N, C-alpha and C. Protein backbone atom coordinates (compact mmCIF):
# COMPACT_ATOMS: atom_id res chain seq x y z
N MET A 1 20.89 0.10 9.81
CA MET A 1 22.02 0.06 8.90
C MET A 1 22.65 1.45 8.89
N ASP A 2 23.93 1.49 9.15
CA ASP A 2 24.62 2.76 9.26
C ASP A 2 25.81 2.76 8.30
N HIS A 3 25.86 3.72 7.43
CA HIS A 3 26.94 3.81 6.45
C HIS A 3 27.97 4.88 6.84
N PHE A 4 27.98 5.21 8.13
CA PHE A 4 29.01 6.05 8.69
C PHE A 4 29.78 5.17 9.67
N ALA A 5 31.08 5.07 9.48
CA ALA A 5 31.86 4.19 10.34
C ALA A 5 33.30 4.70 10.45
N TYR A 6 33.90 4.34 11.56
CA TYR A 6 35.32 4.67 11.75
C TYR A 6 36.18 3.58 11.12
N SER A 7 37.21 4.03 10.45
CA SER A 7 38.21 3.12 9.90
C SER A 7 39.58 3.72 10.21
N ASP A 8 40.40 2.98 10.92
CA ASP A 8 41.71 3.47 11.34
C ASP A 8 41.59 4.80 12.08
N GLY A 9 40.56 4.91 12.92
CA GLY A 9 40.39 6.10 13.74
C GLY A 9 39.82 7.31 13.02
N GLU A 10 39.42 7.14 11.78
CA GLU A 10 38.90 8.27 11.01
C GLU A 10 37.47 7.96 10.54
N LEU A 11 36.57 8.93 10.73
CA LEU A 11 35.18 8.74 10.36
C LEU A 11 35.01 8.79 8.84
N HIS A 12 34.26 7.81 8.32
CA HIS A 12 34.00 7.69 6.89
C HIS A 12 32.49 7.67 6.64
N SER A 13 32.11 8.11 5.48
CA SER A 13 30.74 7.94 4.99
C SER A 13 30.83 7.10 3.73
N GLU A 14 30.24 5.92 3.79
CA GLU A 14 30.31 5.00 2.65
C GLU A 14 31.75 4.84 2.16
N GLU A 15 32.64 4.63 3.10
CA GLU A 15 34.06 4.38 2.84
C GLU A 15 34.85 5.60 2.34
N VAL A 16 34.24 6.77 2.37
CA VAL A 16 34.94 8.00 1.98
C VAL A 16 35.28 8.76 3.26
N PRO A 17 36.53 9.06 3.50
CA PRO A 17 36.89 9.81 4.70
C PRO A 17 36.22 11.19 4.73
N LEU A 18 35.58 11.51 5.86
CA LEU A 18 34.93 12.82 5.97
C LEU A 18 35.95 13.94 5.89
N ARG A 19 37.16 13.68 6.30
CA ARG A 19 38.22 14.69 6.20
C ARG A 19 38.43 15.09 4.72
N ASP A 20 38.38 14.11 3.82
CA ASP A 20 38.53 14.41 2.38
C ASP A 20 37.36 15.23 1.86
N ILE A 21 36.17 14.90 2.32
CA ILE A 21 34.99 15.66 1.90
C ILE A 21 35.10 17.10 2.39
N ALA A 22 35.48 17.28 3.65
CA ALA A 22 35.62 18.63 4.22
C ALA A 22 36.69 19.41 3.49
N ARG A 23 37.78 18.76 3.13
CA ARG A 23 38.86 19.44 2.43
C ARG A 23 38.39 19.91 1.05
N GLU A 24 37.64 19.04 0.36
CA GLU A 24 37.20 19.37 -1.00
C GLU A 24 36.02 20.35 -1.00
N ALA A 25 35.06 20.15 -0.10
CA ALA A 25 33.84 20.96 -0.12
C ALA A 25 33.94 22.18 0.79
N GLY A 26 34.83 22.14 1.75
CA GLY A 26 34.88 23.20 2.75
C GLY A 26 33.94 22.86 3.88
N THR A 27 34.01 23.68 4.93
CA THR A 27 33.12 23.46 6.07
C THR A 27 32.42 24.75 6.42
N PRO A 28 31.26 24.72 7.02
CA PRO A 28 30.54 23.50 7.36
C PRO A 28 29.99 22.81 6.10
N VAL A 29 29.75 21.51 6.22
CA VAL A 29 29.23 20.73 5.10
C VAL A 29 28.28 19.66 5.65
N TYR A 30 27.20 19.44 4.96
CA TYR A 30 26.28 18.35 5.30
C TYR A 30 26.68 17.14 4.48
N VAL A 31 26.76 15.99 5.11
CA VAL A 31 27.12 14.76 4.42
C VAL A 31 26.00 13.75 4.65
N TYR A 32 25.45 13.25 3.56
CA TYR A 32 24.40 12.24 3.62
C TYR A 32 24.94 10.96 3.00
N ALA A 33 24.58 9.84 3.56
CA ALA A 33 24.95 8.55 2.99
C ALA A 33 23.77 8.07 2.15
N SER A 34 23.93 8.07 0.84
CA SER A 34 22.83 7.67 -0.03
C SER A 34 22.39 6.24 0.27
N ALA A 35 23.33 5.38 0.64
CA ALA A 35 22.97 4.00 0.97
C ALA A 35 22.03 3.95 2.18
N THR A 36 22.26 4.81 3.16
CA THR A 36 21.39 4.86 4.33
C THR A 36 20.00 5.37 3.95
N LEU A 37 19.95 6.42 3.14
CA LEU A 37 18.66 6.93 2.69
C LEU A 37 17.89 5.87 1.92
N ARG A 38 18.57 5.18 1.01
CA ARG A 38 17.92 4.12 0.23
C ARG A 38 17.44 2.98 1.13
N HIS A 39 18.29 2.60 2.06
CA HIS A 39 17.94 1.51 2.96
C HIS A 39 16.66 1.83 3.74
N HIS A 40 16.61 3.00 4.34
CA HIS A 40 15.45 3.34 5.17
C HIS A 40 14.19 3.55 4.33
N ALA A 41 14.33 4.06 3.13
CA ALA A 41 13.16 4.17 2.23
C ALA A 41 12.62 2.78 1.92
N ARG A 42 13.50 1.85 1.65
CA ARG A 42 13.08 0.47 1.34
C ARG A 42 12.45 -0.21 2.55
N VAL A 43 13.03 0.00 3.72
CA VAL A 43 12.47 -0.59 4.93
C VAL A 43 11.05 -0.08 5.15
N MET A 44 10.83 1.20 4.97
CA MET A 44 9.50 1.78 5.15
C MET A 44 8.52 1.20 4.13
N ARG A 45 8.92 1.15 2.88
CA ARG A 45 8.02 0.61 1.85
C ARG A 45 7.74 -0.87 2.08
N GLU A 46 8.75 -1.63 2.47
CA GLU A 46 8.56 -3.06 2.73
C GLU A 46 7.63 -3.29 3.93
N ALA A 47 7.75 -2.43 4.94
CA ALA A 47 6.90 -2.57 6.11
C ALA A 47 5.42 -2.35 5.78
N LEU A 48 5.16 -1.59 4.75
CA LEU A 48 3.78 -1.28 4.36
C LEU A 48 3.31 -2.05 3.12
N ALA A 49 4.14 -2.95 2.63
CA ALA A 49 3.85 -3.65 1.37
C ALA A 49 2.55 -4.44 1.41
N ASN A 50 2.17 -4.93 2.58
CA ASN A 50 0.92 -5.70 2.66
C ASN A 50 -0.32 -4.83 2.42
N LEU A 51 -0.13 -3.53 2.35
CA LEU A 51 -1.24 -2.61 2.08
C LEU A 51 -1.41 -2.35 0.59
N GLY A 52 -0.61 -2.99 -0.24
CA GLY A 52 -0.66 -2.76 -1.68
C GLY A 52 0.48 -1.84 -2.07
N ASP A 53 0.13 -0.70 -2.62
CA ASP A 53 1.13 0.29 -3.00
C ASP A 53 0.80 1.62 -2.33
N PRO A 54 1.00 1.69 -1.00
CA PRO A 54 0.65 2.94 -0.31
C PRO A 54 1.58 4.07 -0.71
N LEU A 55 1.07 5.26 -0.63
CA LEU A 55 1.90 6.44 -0.90
C LEU A 55 2.67 6.80 0.35
N VAL A 56 3.97 6.58 0.31
CA VAL A 56 4.86 7.00 1.39
C VAL A 56 5.48 8.30 0.91
N ALA A 57 5.18 9.38 1.62
CA ALA A 57 5.62 10.70 1.17
C ALA A 57 6.59 11.32 2.17
N PHE A 58 7.68 11.86 1.65
CA PHE A 58 8.70 12.54 2.45
C PHE A 58 8.33 14.02 2.55
N ALA A 59 8.40 14.58 3.75
CA ALA A 59 8.13 16.00 3.94
C ALA A 59 9.30 16.81 3.40
N VAL A 60 9.09 17.48 2.28
CA VAL A 60 10.16 18.24 1.64
C VAL A 60 10.73 19.30 2.57
N LYS A 61 9.87 19.88 3.43
CA LYS A 61 10.38 20.91 4.34
C LYS A 61 11.39 20.34 5.33
N ALA A 62 11.39 19.02 5.55
CA ALA A 62 12.36 18.40 6.46
C ALA A 62 13.77 18.43 5.89
N ASN A 63 13.86 18.34 4.55
CA ASN A 63 15.18 18.39 3.92
C ASN A 63 14.98 18.60 2.41
N PRO A 64 15.04 19.84 1.95
CA PRO A 64 14.80 20.12 0.53
C PRO A 64 16.03 19.93 -0.37
N ASN A 65 17.07 19.30 0.14
CA ASN A 65 18.28 19.08 -0.65
C ASN A 65 17.91 18.32 -1.92
N PRO A 66 18.22 18.87 -3.10
CA PRO A 66 17.84 18.21 -4.37
C PRO A 66 18.37 16.78 -4.50
N ALA A 67 19.58 16.52 -4.03
CA ALA A 67 20.14 15.17 -4.14
C ALA A 67 19.38 14.20 -3.23
N VAL A 68 19.04 14.64 -2.04
CA VAL A 68 18.27 13.79 -1.12
C VAL A 68 16.91 13.49 -1.72
N LEU A 69 16.23 14.52 -2.24
CA LEU A 69 14.91 14.32 -2.85
C LEU A 69 14.99 13.36 -4.04
N ALA A 70 16.03 13.49 -4.84
CA ALA A 70 16.18 12.61 -6.01
C ALA A 70 16.38 11.15 -5.58
N ILE A 71 17.16 10.93 -4.54
CA ILE A 71 17.37 9.57 -4.05
C ILE A 71 16.04 8.98 -3.56
N LEU A 72 15.31 9.75 -2.77
CA LEU A 72 14.04 9.25 -2.24
C LEU A 72 13.03 9.03 -3.36
N ALA A 73 13.02 9.91 -4.35
CA ALA A 73 12.13 9.73 -5.50
C ALA A 73 12.48 8.46 -6.26
N SER A 74 13.78 8.19 -6.41
CA SER A 74 14.20 6.99 -7.13
C SER A 74 13.81 5.71 -6.39
N GLU A 75 13.58 5.84 -5.10
CA GLU A 75 13.13 4.70 -4.28
C GLU A 75 11.60 4.62 -4.22
N GLY A 76 10.92 5.47 -4.97
CA GLY A 76 9.47 5.40 -5.05
C GLY A 76 8.72 6.22 -4.02
N LEU A 77 9.43 7.01 -3.22
CA LEU A 77 8.73 7.84 -2.24
C LEU A 77 8.10 9.04 -2.93
N GLY A 78 6.98 9.47 -2.38
CA GLY A 78 6.34 10.68 -2.84
C GLY A 78 6.83 11.86 -2.03
N ALA A 79 6.17 12.99 -2.23
CA ALA A 79 6.57 14.21 -1.53
C ALA A 79 5.35 14.88 -0.90
N ASP A 80 5.52 15.29 0.34
CA ASP A 80 4.52 16.09 1.03
C ASP A 80 5.06 17.51 1.01
N ILE A 81 4.36 18.40 0.33
CA ILE A 81 4.84 19.76 0.13
C ILE A 81 3.92 20.76 0.83
N VAL A 82 4.44 21.95 1.12
CA VAL A 82 3.64 23.00 1.74
C VAL A 82 3.70 24.31 0.96
N SER A 83 4.36 24.29 -0.20
CA SER A 83 4.43 25.50 -1.02
C SER A 83 4.65 25.10 -2.47
N ILE A 84 4.40 26.02 -3.36
CA ILE A 84 4.61 25.72 -4.77
C ILE A 84 6.11 25.60 -5.07
N GLY A 85 6.94 26.29 -4.29
CA GLY A 85 8.38 26.13 -4.43
C GLY A 85 8.81 24.70 -4.13
N GLU A 86 8.24 24.12 -3.09
CA GLU A 86 8.54 22.73 -2.77
C GLU A 86 7.97 21.79 -3.84
N TYR A 87 6.83 22.13 -4.42
CA TYR A 87 6.28 21.34 -5.53
C TYR A 87 7.29 21.31 -6.68
N ARG A 88 7.82 22.47 -7.02
CA ARG A 88 8.80 22.55 -8.11
C ARG A 88 10.06 21.76 -7.77
N GLN A 89 10.51 21.84 -6.52
CA GLN A 89 11.69 21.08 -6.10
C GLN A 89 11.44 19.58 -6.23
N ALA A 90 10.28 19.13 -5.79
CA ALA A 90 9.95 17.71 -5.86
C ALA A 90 9.89 17.25 -7.31
N ARG A 91 9.27 18.03 -8.16
CA ARG A 91 9.17 17.66 -9.58
C ARG A 91 10.56 17.62 -10.22
N ALA A 92 11.39 18.62 -9.90
CA ALA A 92 12.75 18.66 -10.47
C ALA A 92 13.57 17.46 -10.00
N ALA A 93 13.26 16.94 -8.82
CA ALA A 93 13.98 15.79 -8.28
C ALA A 93 13.46 14.47 -8.84
N GLY A 94 12.38 14.54 -9.62
CA GLY A 94 11.86 13.32 -10.23
C GLY A 94 10.65 12.71 -9.56
N VAL A 95 10.05 13.40 -8.61
CA VAL A 95 8.84 12.87 -7.98
C VAL A 95 7.68 13.04 -8.96
N PRO A 96 7.01 11.94 -9.32
CA PRO A 96 5.86 12.06 -10.23
C PRO A 96 4.74 12.87 -9.57
N PRO A 97 4.01 13.66 -10.33
CA PRO A 97 2.95 14.47 -9.73
C PRO A 97 1.90 13.62 -9.00
N ALA A 98 1.66 12.42 -9.45
CA ALA A 98 0.68 11.54 -8.81
C ALA A 98 1.15 11.06 -7.44
N ARG A 99 2.36 11.43 -7.03
CA ARG A 99 2.88 11.04 -5.72
C ARG A 99 3.21 12.27 -4.87
N ILE A 100 2.54 13.40 -5.19
CA ILE A 100 2.76 14.64 -4.43
C ILE A 100 1.47 15.04 -3.72
N LEU A 101 1.60 15.34 -2.43
CA LEU A 101 0.50 15.83 -1.61
C LEU A 101 0.80 17.27 -1.24
N PHE A 102 -0.18 18.15 -1.40
CA PHE A 102 -0.01 19.57 -1.08
C PHE A 102 -0.71 19.84 0.24
N SER A 103 0.06 19.96 1.31
CA SER A 103 -0.47 20.24 2.63
C SER A 103 -0.18 21.69 2.98
N GLY A 104 -0.39 22.04 4.22
CA GLY A 104 -0.01 23.37 4.69
C GLY A 104 -1.09 24.41 4.51
N VAL A 105 -0.95 25.47 5.28
CA VAL A 105 -1.91 26.57 5.25
C VAL A 105 -1.42 27.68 4.33
N GLY A 106 -2.34 28.53 3.92
CA GLY A 106 -1.97 29.72 3.16
C GLY A 106 -1.73 29.48 1.68
N LYS A 107 -2.25 28.39 1.13
CA LYS A 107 -2.09 28.15 -0.31
C LYS A 107 -2.87 29.21 -1.08
N THR A 108 -2.24 29.79 -2.08
CA THR A 108 -2.94 30.78 -2.90
C THR A 108 -3.61 30.10 -4.09
N ALA A 109 -4.53 30.81 -4.70
CA ALA A 109 -5.20 30.30 -5.89
C ALA A 109 -4.19 30.03 -7.00
N GLU A 110 -3.19 30.89 -7.11
CA GLU A 110 -2.16 30.70 -8.14
C GLU A 110 -1.37 29.42 -7.90
N GLU A 111 -1.02 29.15 -6.62
CA GLU A 111 -0.30 27.92 -6.30
C GLU A 111 -1.15 26.69 -6.60
N MET A 112 -2.41 26.76 -6.23
CA MET A 112 -3.31 25.65 -6.50
C MET A 112 -3.43 25.40 -8.00
N ALA A 113 -3.55 26.48 -8.76
CA ALA A 113 -3.69 26.35 -10.22
C ALA A 113 -2.45 25.71 -10.83
N GLU A 114 -1.27 26.12 -10.38
CA GLU A 114 -0.04 25.53 -10.91
C GLU A 114 0.06 24.05 -10.56
N ALA A 115 -0.27 23.71 -9.32
CA ALA A 115 -0.22 22.31 -8.91
C ALA A 115 -1.23 21.47 -9.69
N LEU A 116 -2.40 22.01 -9.90
CA LEU A 116 -3.42 21.28 -10.67
C LEU A 116 -2.99 21.11 -12.12
N SER A 117 -2.43 22.15 -12.71
CA SER A 117 -2.04 22.06 -14.12
C SER A 117 -0.87 21.11 -14.33
N GLY A 118 0.02 21.03 -13.34
CA GLY A 118 1.18 20.14 -13.45
C GLY A 118 0.87 18.73 -13.03
N GLY A 119 -0.25 18.55 -12.37
CA GLY A 119 -0.64 17.25 -11.86
C GLY A 119 -0.27 17.12 -10.41
N ILE A 120 -1.15 16.54 -9.65
CA ILE A 120 -0.91 16.36 -8.21
C ILE A 120 -1.84 15.28 -7.71
N CYS A 121 -1.41 14.57 -6.71
CA CYS A 121 -2.22 13.50 -6.13
C CYS A 121 -3.36 14.08 -5.30
N GLN A 122 -3.00 15.04 -4.45
CA GLN A 122 -3.98 15.52 -3.48
C GLN A 122 -3.61 16.91 -3.00
N ILE A 123 -4.64 17.73 -2.81
CA ILE A 123 -4.46 19.03 -2.16
C ILE A 123 -5.29 18.99 -0.89
N ASN A 124 -4.63 19.13 0.25
CA ASN A 124 -5.33 19.14 1.53
C ASN A 124 -5.83 20.54 1.81
N VAL A 125 -7.04 20.63 2.33
CA VAL A 125 -7.61 21.93 2.68
C VAL A 125 -7.86 21.98 4.17
N GLU A 126 -7.67 23.16 4.74
CA GLU A 126 -7.80 23.29 6.18
C GLU A 126 -8.97 24.17 6.60
N SER A 127 -9.72 24.67 5.62
CA SER A 127 -10.87 25.50 5.96
C SER A 127 -11.87 25.49 4.80
N VAL A 128 -13.07 25.93 5.11
CA VAL A 128 -14.11 26.03 4.09
C VAL A 128 -13.69 27.03 3.02
N GLU A 129 -13.03 28.11 3.44
CA GLU A 129 -12.60 29.13 2.49
C GLU A 129 -11.59 28.57 1.49
N VAL A 130 -10.64 27.80 1.97
CA VAL A 130 -9.63 27.22 1.09
C VAL A 130 -10.29 26.18 0.18
N ALA A 131 -11.21 25.41 0.71
CA ALA A 131 -11.94 24.44 -0.12
C ALA A 131 -12.71 25.15 -1.22
N SER A 132 -13.30 26.28 -0.90
CA SER A 132 -14.04 27.06 -1.89
C SER A 132 -13.11 27.60 -2.97
N THR A 133 -11.95 28.11 -2.56
CA THR A 133 -10.97 28.61 -3.52
C THR A 133 -10.48 27.48 -4.42
N LEU A 134 -10.19 26.33 -3.82
CA LEU A 134 -9.75 25.18 -4.61
C LEU A 134 -10.83 24.77 -5.61
N SER A 135 -12.07 24.79 -5.17
CA SER A 135 -13.18 24.43 -6.06
C SER A 135 -13.25 25.39 -7.24
N GLU A 136 -13.13 26.68 -6.98
CA GLU A 136 -13.17 27.69 -8.05
C GLU A 136 -12.00 27.49 -9.03
N VAL A 137 -10.82 27.24 -8.49
CA VAL A 137 -9.64 27.04 -9.33
C VAL A 137 -9.81 25.78 -10.17
N ALA A 138 -10.27 24.71 -9.54
CA ALA A 138 -10.44 23.44 -10.25
C ALA A 138 -11.50 23.55 -11.35
N VAL A 139 -12.61 24.19 -11.04
CA VAL A 139 -13.67 24.35 -12.04
C VAL A 139 -13.17 25.17 -13.22
N SER A 140 -12.44 26.24 -12.94
CA SER A 140 -11.93 27.08 -14.04
C SER A 140 -10.90 26.33 -14.89
N ALA A 141 -10.27 25.30 -14.30
CA ALA A 141 -9.30 24.49 -15.04
C ALA A 141 -9.96 23.25 -15.65
N GLY A 142 -11.25 23.10 -15.43
CA GLY A 142 -11.96 21.94 -15.96
C GLY A 142 -11.63 20.65 -15.22
N ARG A 143 -11.31 20.75 -13.94
CA ARG A 143 -10.93 19.59 -13.13
C ARG A 143 -11.95 19.37 -12.03
N ASN A 144 -12.00 18.16 -11.52
CA ASN A 144 -12.81 17.88 -10.34
C ASN A 144 -12.12 16.81 -9.52
N ALA A 145 -12.70 16.48 -8.39
CA ALA A 145 -12.06 15.53 -7.48
C ALA A 145 -11.82 14.18 -8.15
N ALA A 146 -12.70 13.78 -9.04
CA ALA A 146 -12.53 12.49 -9.71
C ALA A 146 -11.30 12.48 -10.63
N ASP A 147 -10.79 13.66 -10.99
CA ASP A 147 -9.60 13.75 -11.85
C ASP A 147 -8.32 13.59 -11.04
N GLY A 148 -8.44 13.41 -9.75
CA GLY A 148 -7.25 13.22 -8.92
C GLY A 148 -6.85 14.47 -8.16
N VAL A 149 -7.76 15.41 -8.04
CA VAL A 149 -7.46 16.61 -7.27
C VAL A 149 -7.43 16.26 -5.81
């Protein structure tokens, strides 16, 4: 499903001429079709529906645009983040903490503590050292893996 189409020789996004968007916003400009984002989020969730309610998470580093994140959050997608800044962006866009995965290397104890205190589905660890740091942070916060860490 594509919500970009030519009409009378002019390219439109969801029936809005791109020329009008460029005139109003200036160039360069990124244009996203919310209908396309919604459609593909639904197709992905429907394809996995027989699994129950799987967590489909969008990699925030792929496109941290707040409007894009908000659309995907409204469609029930979670967020795969690699920094506390991305965690904050996902939360601000409406992604529930129980649908956020913290991946990536180089997580600090402070980042882990903030993610744990705000709520998070999962923190991925890539080494024994990071697992140990996460354990120390979780224990000091009174949390454990059974709490959803």
